[in-house]
C-alpha atoms as a PDB file:
ATOM      1  CA  UNK A   1       0.331   0.585   0.117  1.00  0.00           C
ATOM      2  CA  UNK A   2       2.539   2.352   0.862  1.00  0.00           C
ATOM      3  CA  UNK A   3       4.642   1.382  -2.441  1.00  0.00           C
ATOM      4  CA  UNK A   4       1.192   2.140  -4.402  1.00  0.00           C
ATOM      5  CA  UNK A   5       0.973   5.924  -1.962  1.00  0.00           C
ATOM      6  CA  UNK A   6       4.649   6.821  -3.097  1.00  0.00           C
ATOM      7  CA  UNK A   7       3.829   6.198  -7.174  1.00  0.00           C
ATOM      8  CA  UNK A   8       0.394   8.356  -6.080  1.00  0.00           C
ATOM      9  CA  UNK A   9       2.194  11.254  -4.804  1.00  0.00           C
ATOM     10  CA  UNK A  10       5.043  10.757  -7.769  1.00  0.00           C
ATOM     11  CA  UNK A  11       2.237  11.186  -9.857  1.00  0.00           C
ATOM     12  CA  UNK A  12       1.049  13.724  -8.426  1.00  0.00           C
ATOM     13  CA  UNK A  13       4.082  16.210  -8.640  1.00  0.00           C
ATOM     14  CA  UNK A  14       4.388  15.489 -12.875  1.00  0.00           C
ATOM     15  CA  UNK A  15       1.129  15.205 -13.874  1.00  0.00           C
ATOM     16  CA  UNK A  16       0.060  18.792 -13.389  1.00  0.00           C
ATOM     17  CA  UNK A  17      -0.494  20.868 -15.697  1.00  0.00           C
ATOM     18  CA  UNK A  18      -0.341  17.197 -18.833  1.00  0.00           C
ATOM     19  CA  UNK A  19      -4.149  17.835 -20.553  1.00  0.00           C
ATOM     20  CA  UNK A  20      -5.985  14.961 -21.460  1.00  0.00           C
ATOM     21  CA  UNK A  21      -5.133  15.496 -25.046  1.00  0.00           C
ATOM     22  CA  UNK A  22      -1.478  15.711 -24.383  1.00  0.00           C
ATOM     23  CA  UNK A  23      -0.063  16.292 -28.381  1.00  0.00           C
ATOM     24  CA  UNK A  24       3.699  15.489 -28.275  1.00  0.00           C
ATOM     25  CA  UNK A  25       5.668  17.893 -28.902  1.00  0.00           C
ATOM     26  CA  UNK A  26       9.449  19.122 -30.434  1.00  0.00           C
ATOM     27  CA  UNK A  27      10.950  20.334 -27.560  1.00  0.00           C
ATOM     28  CA  UNK A  28      13.500  17.119 -26.628  1.00  0.00           C
ATOM     29  CA  UNK A  29      14.172  17.116 -30.587  1.00  0.00           C
ATOM     30  CA  UNK A  30      14.956  20.912 -30.909  1.00  0.00           C
ATOM     31  CA  UNK A  31      17.949  20.482 -27.920  1.00  0.00           C
ATOM     32  CA  UNK A  32      19.542  17.888 -29.220  1.00  0.00           C
ATOM     33  CA  UNK A  33      19.201  18.952 -32.835  1.00  0.00           C
ATOM     34  CA  UNK A  34      20.545  22.798 -30.701  1.00  0.00           C
ATOM     35  CA  UNK A  35      23.413  20.459 -29.501  1.00  0.00           C
ATOM     36  CA  UNK A  36      22.725  23.279 -26.017  1.00  0.00           C
ATOM     37  CA  UNK A  37      20.604  22.873 -23.305  1.00  0.00           C
ATOM     38  CA  UNK A  38      20.357  25.725 -20.683  1.00  0.00           C
ATOM     39  CA  UNK A  39      19.438  25.214 -17.262  1.00  0.00           C
ATOM     40  CA  UNK A  40      19.463  27.802 -14.644  1.00  0.00           C
ATOM     41  CA  UNK A  41      20.823  27.660 -10.656  1.00  0.00           C
ATOM     42  CA  UNK A  42      21.589  30.750  -8.403  1.00  0.00           C
ATOM     43  CA  UNK A  43      25.420  29.795  -8.311  1.00  0.00           C
ATOM     44  CA  UNK A  44      24.831  30.921  -4.859  1.00  0.00           C
ATOM     45  CA  UNK A  45      23.142  28.463  -2.434  1.00  0.00           C
ATOM     46  CA  UNK A  46      25.424  25.522  -1.436  1.00  0.00           C
ATOM     47  CA  UNK A  47      25.912  22.789  -1.040  1.00  0.00           C
ATOM     48  CA  UNK A  48      23.269  22.237  -4.297  1.00  0.00           C
ATOM     49  CA  UNK A  49      24.998  25.546  -6.643  1.00  0.00           C
ATOM     50  CA  UNK A  50      27.574  28.176  -6.218  1.00  0.00           C
ATOM     51  CA  UNK A  51      30.798  29.204  -7.823  1.00  0.00           C
ATOM     52  CA  UNK A  52      33.784  27.173  -7.084  1.00  0.00           C
ATOM     53  CA  UNK A  53      37.731  28.081  -6.870  1.00  0.00           C
ATOM     54  CA  UNK A  54      38.022  27.849 -11.198  1.00  0.00           C
ATOM     55  CA  UNK A  55      34.934  30.418 -11.067  1.00  0.00           C
ATOM     56  CA  UNK A  56      32.725  27.622 -12.608  1.00  0.00           C
ATOM     57  CA  UNK A  57      29.084  26.305 -11.794  1.00  0.00           C
ATOM     58  CA  UNK A  58      29.447  23.477  -8.938  1.00  0.00           C
ATOM     59  CA  UNK A  59      27.420  21.944  -6.706  1.00  0.00           C
ATOM     60  CA  UNK A  60      24.780  18.878  -6.179  1.00  0.00           C
ATOM     61  CA  UNK A  61      21.994  20.358  -8.808  1.00  0.00           C
ATOM     62  CA  UNK A  62      25.698  20.820 -10.802  1.00  0.00           C
ATOM     63  CA  UNK A  63      26.497  17.381 -10.770  1.00  0.00           C
ATOM     64  CA  UNK A  64      23.241  16.055 -11.346  1.00  0.00           C
ATOM     65  CA  UNK A  65      21.501  18.145 -14.365  1.00  0.00           C
ATOM     66  CA  UNK A  66      25.647  17.384 -15.714  1.00  0.00           C
ATOM     67  CA  UNK A  67      24.410  13.494 -16.062  1.00  0.00           C
ATOM     68  CA  UNK A  68      21.145  14.002 -16.807  1.00  0.00           C
ATOM     69  CA  UNK A  69      22.282  16.001 -19.897  1.00  0.00           C
ATOM     70  CA  UNK A  70      24.211  13.292 -21.372  1.00  0.00           C
ATOM     71  CA  UNK A  71      21.620  10.978 -20.306  1.00  0.00           C
ATOM     72  CA  UNK A  72      19.169  12.769 -22.942  1.00  0.00           C
ATOM     73  CA  UNK A  73      21.306  13.268 -25.464  1.00  0.00           C
ATOM     74  CA  UNK A  74      21.818  16.870 -25.747  1.00  0.00           C
ATOM     75  CA  UNK A  75      26.055  17.287 -25.349  1.00  0.00           C
ATOM     76  CA  UNK A  76      26.445  20.573 -23.146  1.00  0.00           C
ATOM     77  CA  UNK A  77      24.330  22.616 -20.247  1.00  0.00           C
ATOM     78  CA  UNK A  78      24.417  26.162 -20.091  1.00  0.00           C
ATOM     79  CA  UNK A  79      24.682  26.925 -16.777  1.00  0.00           C
ATOM     80  CA  UNK A  80      22.541  30.215 -16.426  1.00  0.00           C
ATOM     81  CA  UNK A  81      22.323  32.330 -13.265  1.00  0.00           C
ATOM     82  CA  UNK A  82      19.577  33.301 -11.845  1.00  0.00           C
ATOM     83  CA  UNK A  83      17.490  33.712  -7.965  1.00  0.00           C
ATOM     84  CA  UNK A  84      15.044  31.569  -6.903  1.00  0.00           C
ATOM     85  CA  UNK A  85      11.588  33.987  -7.089  1.00  0.00           C
ATOM     86  CA  UNK A  86      12.858  34.777 -10.520  1.00  0.00           C
ATOM     87  CA  UNK A  87      13.005  30.519 -11.657  1.00  0.00           C
ATOM     88  CA  UNK A  88       9.455  30.285 -13.101  1.00  0.00           C
ATOM     89  CA  UNK A  89       9.140  32.974 -14.456  1.00  0.00           C
ATOM     90  CA  UNK A  90      12.379  32.621 -16.129  1.00  0.00           C
ATOM     91  CA  UNK A  91      11.346  29.844 -17.019  1.00  0.00           C
ATOM     92  CA  UNK A  92       8.105  31.045 -19.109  1.00  0.00           C
ATOM     93  CA  UNK A  93       9.815  33.635 -21.026  1.00  0.00           C
ATOM     94  CA  UNK A  94      12.334  31.042 -22.173  1.00  0.00           C
ATOM     95  CA  UNK A  95      15.427  32.626 -20.496  1.00  0.00           C
ATOM     96  CA  UNK A  96      16.347  28.648 -19.500  1.00  0.00           C
ATOM     97  CA  UNK A  97      15.034  24.650 -20.663  1.00  0.00           C
ATOM     98  CA  UNK A  98      15.400  23.744 -17.499  1.00  0.00           C
ATOM     99  CA  UNK A  99      16.021  24.952 -13.741  1.00  0.00           C
ATOM    100  CA  UNK A 100      18.168  22.441 -11.477  1.00  0.00           C
ATOM    101  CA  UNK A 101      18.267  24.280  -7.986  1.00  0.00           C
ATOM    102  CA  UNK A 102      16.877  22.737  -5.106  1.00  0.00           C
ATOM    103  CA  UNK A 103      13.354  23.560  -6.575  1.00  0.00           C
ATOM    104  CA  UNK A 104      10.324  22.375  -4.728  1.00  0.00           C
ATOM    105  CA  UNK A 105       7.594  21.815  -6.715  1.00  0.00           C
ATOM    106  CA  UNK A 106       4.785  23.049  -4.414  1.00  0.00           C
ATOM    107  CA  UNK A 107       1.306  23.573  -6.194  1.00  0.00           C
ATOM    108  CA  UNK A 108       1.317  27.111  -6.556  1.00  0.00           C
ATOM    109  CA  UNK A 109       4.363  26.387  -9.047  1.00  0.00           C
ATOM    110  CA  UNK A 110       2.838  22.979 -10.768  1.00  0.00           C
ATOM    111  CA  UNK A 111      -0.427  25.817 -11.558  1.00  0.00           C
ATOM    112  CA  UNK A 112       2.716  27.065 -14.219  1.00  0.00           C
ATOM    113  CA  UNK A 113       5.058  25.210 -15.212  1.00  0.00           C
ATOM    114  CA  UNK A 114       5.886  21.416 -15.263  1.00  0.00           C
ATOM    115  CA  UNK A 115       7.611  19.350 -13.032  1.00  0.00           C
ATOM    116  CA  UNK A 116      10.313  15.661 -13.271  1.00  0.00           C
ATOM    117  CA  UNK A 117      10.821  13.215 -11.152  1.00  0.00           C
ATOM    118  CA  UNK A 118      12.102  14.115  -8.298  1.00  0.00           C
ATOM    119  CA  UNK A 119      16.048  13.866  -7.490  1.00  0.00           C
ATOM    120  CA  UNK A 120      16.803  15.717  -3.610  1.00  0.00           C
ATOM    121  CA  UNK A 121      14.866  16.812  -0.349  1.00  0.00           C
ATOM    122  CA  UNK A 122      16.011  18.129   1.653  1.00  0.00           C
ATOM    123  CA  UNK A 123      14.926  18.131   6.412  1.00  0.00           C
ATOM    124  CA  UNK A 124      14.411  22.079   7.095  1.00  0.00           C
ATOM    125  CA  UNK A 125      15.568  22.963  10.330  1.00  0.00           C
ATOM    126  CA  UNK A 126      15.915  26.034  11.982  1.00  0.00           C
ATOM    127  CA  UNK A 127      18.801  27.423  13.030  1.00  0.00           C
ATOM    128  CA  UNK A 128      20.084  29.468  15.690  1.00  0.00           C
ATOM    129  CA  UNK A 129      23.572  31.163  17.168  1.00  0.00           C
ATOM    130  CA  UNK A 130      25.378  28.754  20.009  1.00  0.00           C
ATOM    131  CA  UNK A 131      24.401  30.909  22.747  1.00  0.00           C
ATOM    132  CA  UNK A 132      20.594  30.885  21.837  1.00  0.00           C
ATOM    133  CA  UNK A 133      18.682  29.996  24.909  1.00  0.00           C
ATOM    134  CA  UNK A 134      15.363  31.006  24.101  1.00  0.00           C
ATOM    135  CA  UNK A 135      14.748  29.618  20.322  1.00  0.00           C
ATOM    136  CA  UNK A 136      14.456  25.658  20.971  1.00  0.00           C
ATOM    137  CA  UNK A 137      12.281  24.791  19.299  1.00  0.00           C
ATOM    138  CA  UNK A 138       9.371  26.076  16.935  1.00  0.00           C
ATOM    139  CA  UNK A 139       7.375  26.609  20.194  1.00  0.00           C
ATOM    140  CA  UNK A 140       9.932  29.122  20.936  1.00  0.00           C
ATOM    141  CA  UNK A 141       8.943  31.696  17.731  1.00  0.00           C
ATOM    142  CA  UNK A 142       6.719  33.332  18.379  1.00  0.00           C
ATOM    143  CA  UNK A 143       7.750  37.147  18.696  1.00  0.00           C
ATOM    144  CA  UNK A 144      11.252  36.390  17.486  1.00  0.00           C
ATOM    145  CA  UNK A 145      12.691  37.222  13.974  1.00  0.00           C
ATOM    146  CA  UNK A 146      13.745  34.181  11.733  1.00  0.00           C
ATOM    147  CA  UNK A 147      16.176  34.792   7.979  1.00  0.00           C
ATOM    148  CA  UNK A 148      14.334  32.867   5.410  1.00  0.00           C
ATOM    149  CA  UNK A 149      14.942  33.293   1.884  1.00  0.00           C
ATOM    150  CA  UNK A 150      13.137  35.307  -0.949  1.00  0.00           C
ATOM    151  CA  UNK A 151      11.320  34.068  -3.987  1.00  0.00           C
ATOM    152  CA  UNK A 152      12.090  29.878  -1.436  1.00  0.00           C
ATOM    153  CA  UNK A 153       9.813  27.034  -0.707  1.00  0.00           C
ATOM    154  CA  UNK A 154      11.077  27.696   2.789  1.00  0.00           C
ATOM    155  CA  UNK A 155       9.826  32.064   2.891  1.00  0.00           C
ATOM    156  CA  UNK A 156       6.389  29.928   1.827  1.00  0.00           C
ATOM    157  CA  UNK A 157       6.213  27.367   4.751  1.00  0.00           C
ATOM    158  CA  UNK A 158       7.514  30.176   7.111  1.00  0.00           C
ATOM    159  CA  UNK A 159       5.027  33.257   6.040  1.00  0.00           C
ATOM    160  CA  UNK A 160       1.642  29.904   6.625  1.00  0.00           C
ATOM    161  CA  UNK A 161       2.945  28.044   9.253  1.00  0.00           C
ATOM    162  CA  UNK A 162       4.707  31.073  11.708  1.00  0.00           C
ATOM    163  CA  UNK A 163       2.159  33.729  11.435  1.00  0.00           C
ATOM    164  CA  UNK A 164       3.354  34.876  15.608  1.00  0.00           C
ATOM    165  CA  UNK A 165       7.248  35.236  13.851  1.00  0.00           C
ATOM    166  CA  UNK A 166       8.909  38.498  12.145  1.00  0.00           C
ATOM    167  CA  UNK A 167       9.499  36.539   9.146  1.00  0.00           C
ATOM    168  CA  UNK A 168      12.534  38.716   7.091  1.00  0.00           C
ATOM    169  CA  UNK A 169      13.099  37.802   2.954  1.00  0.00           C
ATOM    170  CA  UNK A 170      16.615  37.813   1.506  1.00  0.00           C
ATOM    171  CA  UNK A 171      17.391  37.631  -1.763  1.00  0.00           C
ATOM    172  CA  UNK A 172      21.427  36.355  -0.971  1.00  0.00           C
ATOM    173  CA  UNK A 173      20.703  32.904   0.939  1.00  0.00           C
ATOM    174  CA  UNK A 174      24.692  32.673   2.235  1.00  0.00           C
ATOM    175  CA  UNK A 175      23.711  37.015   4.119  1.00  0.00           C
ATOM    176  CA  UNK A 176      20.970  36.043   6.621  1.00  0.00           C
ATOM    177  CA  UNK A 177      23.677  33.147   8.477  1.00  0.00           C
ATOM    178  CA  UNK A 178      26.132  36.077   8.184  1.00  0.00           C
ATOM    179  CA  UNK A 179      23.605  37.874   9.779  1.00  0.00           C
ATOM    180  CA  UNK A 180      22.162  36.179  12.512  1.00  0.00           C
ATOM    181  CA  UNK A 181      25.601  35.343  13.640  1.00  0.00           C
ATOM    182  CA  UNK A 182      26.151  38.852  14.186  1.00  0.00           C
ATOM    183  CA  UNK A 183      22.901  39.407  16.011  1.00  0.00           C
ATOM    184  CA  UNK A 184      20.524  41.369  13.277  1.00  0.00           C
ATOM    185  CA  UNK A 185      17.895  37.677  12.839  1.00  0.00           C
ATOM    186  CA  UNK A 186      17.590  35.441  15.834  1.00  0.00           C
ATOM    187  CA  UNK A 187      15.949  32.365  13.465  1.00  0.00           C
ATOM    188  CA  UNK A 188      17.147  31.682   9.673  1.00  0.00           C
ATOM    189  CA  UNK A 189      14.725  28.318   8.941  1.00  0.00           C
ATOM    190  CA  UNK A 190      17.080  26.419   6.187  1.00  0.00           C
ATOM    191  CA  UNK A 191      17.741  22.498   5.405  1.00  0.00           C
ATOM    192  CA  UNK A 192      19.757  21.330   7.709  1.00  0.00           C
ATOM    193  CA  UNK A 193      23.111  20.549   5.447  1.00  0.00           C
ATOM    194  CA  UNK A 194      22.773  23.773   4.632  1.00  0.00           C
ATOM    195  CA  UNK A 195      23.278  25.391   7.518  1.00  0.00           C
ATOM    196  CA  UNK A 196      25.959  23.090   8.884  1.00  0.00           C
ATOM    197  CA  UNK A 197      27.482  23.676   5.517  1.00  0.00           C
ATOM    198  CA  UNK A 198      27.314  27.703   6.109  1.00  0.00           C
ATOM    199  CA  UNK A 199      28.172  27.034   9.401  1.00  0.00           C
ATOM    200  CA  UNK A 200      31.704  25.142   8.547  1.00  0.00           C
ATOM    201  CA  UNK A 201      32.855  26.732   5.794  1.00  0.00           C
ATOM    202  CA  UNK A 202      32.573  30.157   7.153  1.00  0.00           C
ATOM    203  CA  UNK A 203      32.758  28.771  10.598  1.00  0.00           C
ATOM    204  CA  UNK A 204      29.657  30.618  12.289  1.00  0.00           C
ATOM    205  CA  UNK A 205      28.804  30.127  15.814  1.00  0.00           C
ATOM    206  CA  UNK A 206      25.020  28.333  14.967  1.00  0.00           C
ATOM    207  CA  UNK A 207      23.322  25.776  15.686  1.00  0.00           C
ATOM    208  CA  UNK A 208      20.536  23.670  14.628  1.00  0.00           C
ATOM    209  CA  UNK A 209      17.531  23.765  17.082  1.00  0.00           C
ATOM    210  CA  UNK A 210      14.608  21.543  17.725  1.00  0.00           C
ATOM    211  CA  UNK A 211      13.066  18.313  15.311  1.00  0.00           C
ATOM    212  CA  UNK A 212      12.338  18.286  11.852  1.00  0.00           C
ATOM    213  CA  UNK A 213       9.419  21.016  10.343  1.00  0.00           C
ATOM    214  CA  UNK A 214       9.348  19.769   6.899  1.00  0.00           C
ATOM    215  CA  UNK A 215      10.626  17.886   4.418  1.00  0.00           C
ATOM    216  CA  UNK A 216      11.696  19.585   1.056  1.00  0.00           C
ATOM    217  CA  UNK A 217      11.279  17.594  -2.760  1.00  0.00           C
ATOM    218  CA  UNK A 218      13.327  19.370  -5.621  1.00  0.00           C
ATOM    219  CA  UNK A 219      12.690  18.631  -8.703  1.00  0.00           C
ATOM    220  CA  UNK A 220      13.690  20.153 -12.494  1.00  0.00           C
ATOM    221  CA  UNK A 221      11.304  22.300 -13.422  1.00  0.00           C
ATOM    222  CA  UNK A 222      10.390  23.075 -17.129  1.00  0.00           C
ATOM    223  CA  UNK A 223       7.671  25.214 -19.146  1.00  0.00           C
ATOM    224  CA  UNK A 224       4.106  23.589 -19.647  1.00  0.00           C
ATOM    225  CA  UNK A 225       3.760  22.178 -22.726  1.00  0.00           C
ATOM    226  CA  UNK A 226       7.823  20.253 -22.898  1.00  0.00           C
ATOM    227  CA  UNK A 227       6.218  16.586 -22.598  1.00  0.00           C
ATOM    228  CA  UNK A 228       9.085  15.092 -24.393  1.00  0.00           C
ATOM    229  CA  UNK A 229      11.892  16.987 -22.105  1.00  0.00           C
ATOM    230  CA  UNK A 230       9.947  16.282 -19.256  1.00  0.00           C
ATOM    231  CA  UNK A 231       9.696  12.104 -20.145  1.00  0.00           C
ATOM    232  CA  UNK A 232      13.340  12.311 -20.960  1.00  0.00           C
ATOM    233  CA  UNK A 233      14.508  13.956 -17.480  1.00  0.00           C
ATOM    234  CA  UNK A 234      12.933  12.369 -15.530  1.00  0.00           C
ATOM    235  CA  UNK A 235      13.177   8.800 -16.925  1.00  0.00           C
ATOM    236  CA  UNK A 236      17.492   9.826 -16.828  1.00  0.00           C
ATOM    237  CA  UNK A 237      16.553  11.113 -13.043  1.00  0.00           C
ATOM    238  CA  UNK A 238      14.614   7.274 -12.623  1.00  0.00           C
ATOM    239  CA  UNK A 239      17.580   5.848 -14.124  1.00  0.00           C
ATOM    240  CA  UNK A 240      20.034   7.863 -12.018  1.00  0.00           C
ATOM    241  CA  UNK A 241      17.939   6.597  -8.503  1.00  0.00           C
ATOM    242  CA  UNK A 242      17.982   3.068  -9.809  1.00  0.00           C
ATOM    243  CA  UNK A 243      21.579   2.598 -10.211  1.00  0.00           C
ATOM    244  CA  UNK A 244      22.805   4.580  -7.706  1.00  0.00           C
ATOM    245  CA  UNK A 245      23.989   7.181  -9.073  1.00  0.00           C
ATOM    246  CA  UNK A 246      22.189   9.967  -7.265  1.00  0.00           C
ATOM    247  CA  UNK A 247      23.778   8.377  -4.548  1.00  0.00           C
ATOM    248  CA  UNK A 248      26.665   8.429  -5.299  1.00  0.00           C
ATOM    249  CA  UNK A 249      26.789  12.394  -6.641  1.00  0.00           C
ATOM    250  CA  UNK A 250      25.323  13.215  -2.914  1.00  0.00           C
ATOM    251  CA  UNK A 251      27.971  11.648  -1.124  1.00  0.00           C
ATOM    252  CA  UNK A 252      29.835  13.480  -3.087  1.00  0.00           C
ATOM    253  CA  UNK A 253      28.732  17.206  -2.461  1.00  0.00           C
ATOM    254  CA  UNK A 254      26.803  17.048   0.814  1.00  0.00           C
ATOM    255  CA  UNK A 255      28.176  14.120   2.531  1.00  0.00           C
ATOM    256  CA  UNK A 256      29.151  10.533   3.144  1.00  0.00           C
ATOM    257  CA  UNK A 257      26.378   9.792   5.560  1.00  0.00           C
ATOM    258  CA  UNK A 258      23.493  11.250   3.658  1.00  0.00           C
ATOM    259  CA  UNK A 259      21.346   9.004   2.028  1.00  0.00           C
ATOM    260  CA  UNK A 260      19.646  11.015  -0.565  1.00  0.00           C
ATOM    261  CA  UNK A 261      16.915   8.350  -2.102  1.00  0.00           C
ATOM    262  CA  UNK A 262      16.274   7.318   0.945  1.00  0.00           C
ATOM    263  CA  UNK A 263      15.197  10.712   1.414  1.00  0.00           C
ATOM    264  CA  UNK A 264      13.338  11.181  -1.213  1.00  0.00           C
ATOM    265  CA  UNK A 265      11.337   8.115  -0.794  1.00  0.00           C
ATOM    266  CA  UNK A 266      10.937   8.497   2.460  1.00  0.00           C
ATOM    267  CA  UNK A 267       9.314  12.285   1.660  1.00  0.00           C
ATOM    268  CA  UNK A 268       7.321  10.772  -1.182  1.00  0.00           C
ATOM    269  CA  UNK A 269       5.280   8.173   1.265  1.00  0.00           C
ATOM    270  CA  UNK A 270       4.749  11.351   3.353  1.00  0.00           C
ATOM    271  CA  UNK A 271       3.358  13.303   0.234  1.00  0.00           C
ATOM    272  CA  UNK A 272       1.161  10.319  -0.098  1.00  0.00           C
ATOM    273  CA  UNK A 273      -0.350  10.191   2.703  1.00  0.00           C
ATOM    274  CA  UNK A 274      -1.609  14.191   3.251  1.00  0.00           C
END
């Protein structure tokens, strides 16, 4: 029964915007002939995407995107930097062909763009300074300020579930941790390994508190009507899950103890039970 529920949840993620009389399109063939697929990411949200020491895009999403391009038969990837809040409009305006940067297939986004199969998942926690003695869980957040990255699903979640907190949105997800470290904001809502990455790289005096607040899946997004591209990307990701590629890439870019495919299955199971 649980496996059936997971399949249903996965189908729901992919099905929004697919008409019953959807006709085959040539979006995949066009990309193959062009030889280049344009993929958007922020290049400012490690471990998902950021600029490496060679000033080139790096990270989990970047590595997955390159492998997806290879498996769908497109020779080259052109990465385009953009912000979370611009991704949906960027797809609709044909600024790029895919978004692959920790983008969650929310109901609102599915009304505007299509999603392929999920390739990532996060557990979200509240982070505070090491010396904070007031905040131990979400129950302690009323009256306190919390930083989120503008346009992300964690901002949407905070505005829905933390209505008695002072929610402050940042264009640059990295700055929010720095502001918390120096006392400008009381807490940050972030993925566990995203927060831990900032803590380690920038030597910040911060910690995660309480229990995970939510799971958030990430999946490739594309403009509506590009069914052949969506189906090919989904097939590529599903093959990468099956052959161990997704877990191997996650261990390289996120950490040796993180099991990405197990987390994806858990998130889909939770979604199926809602």
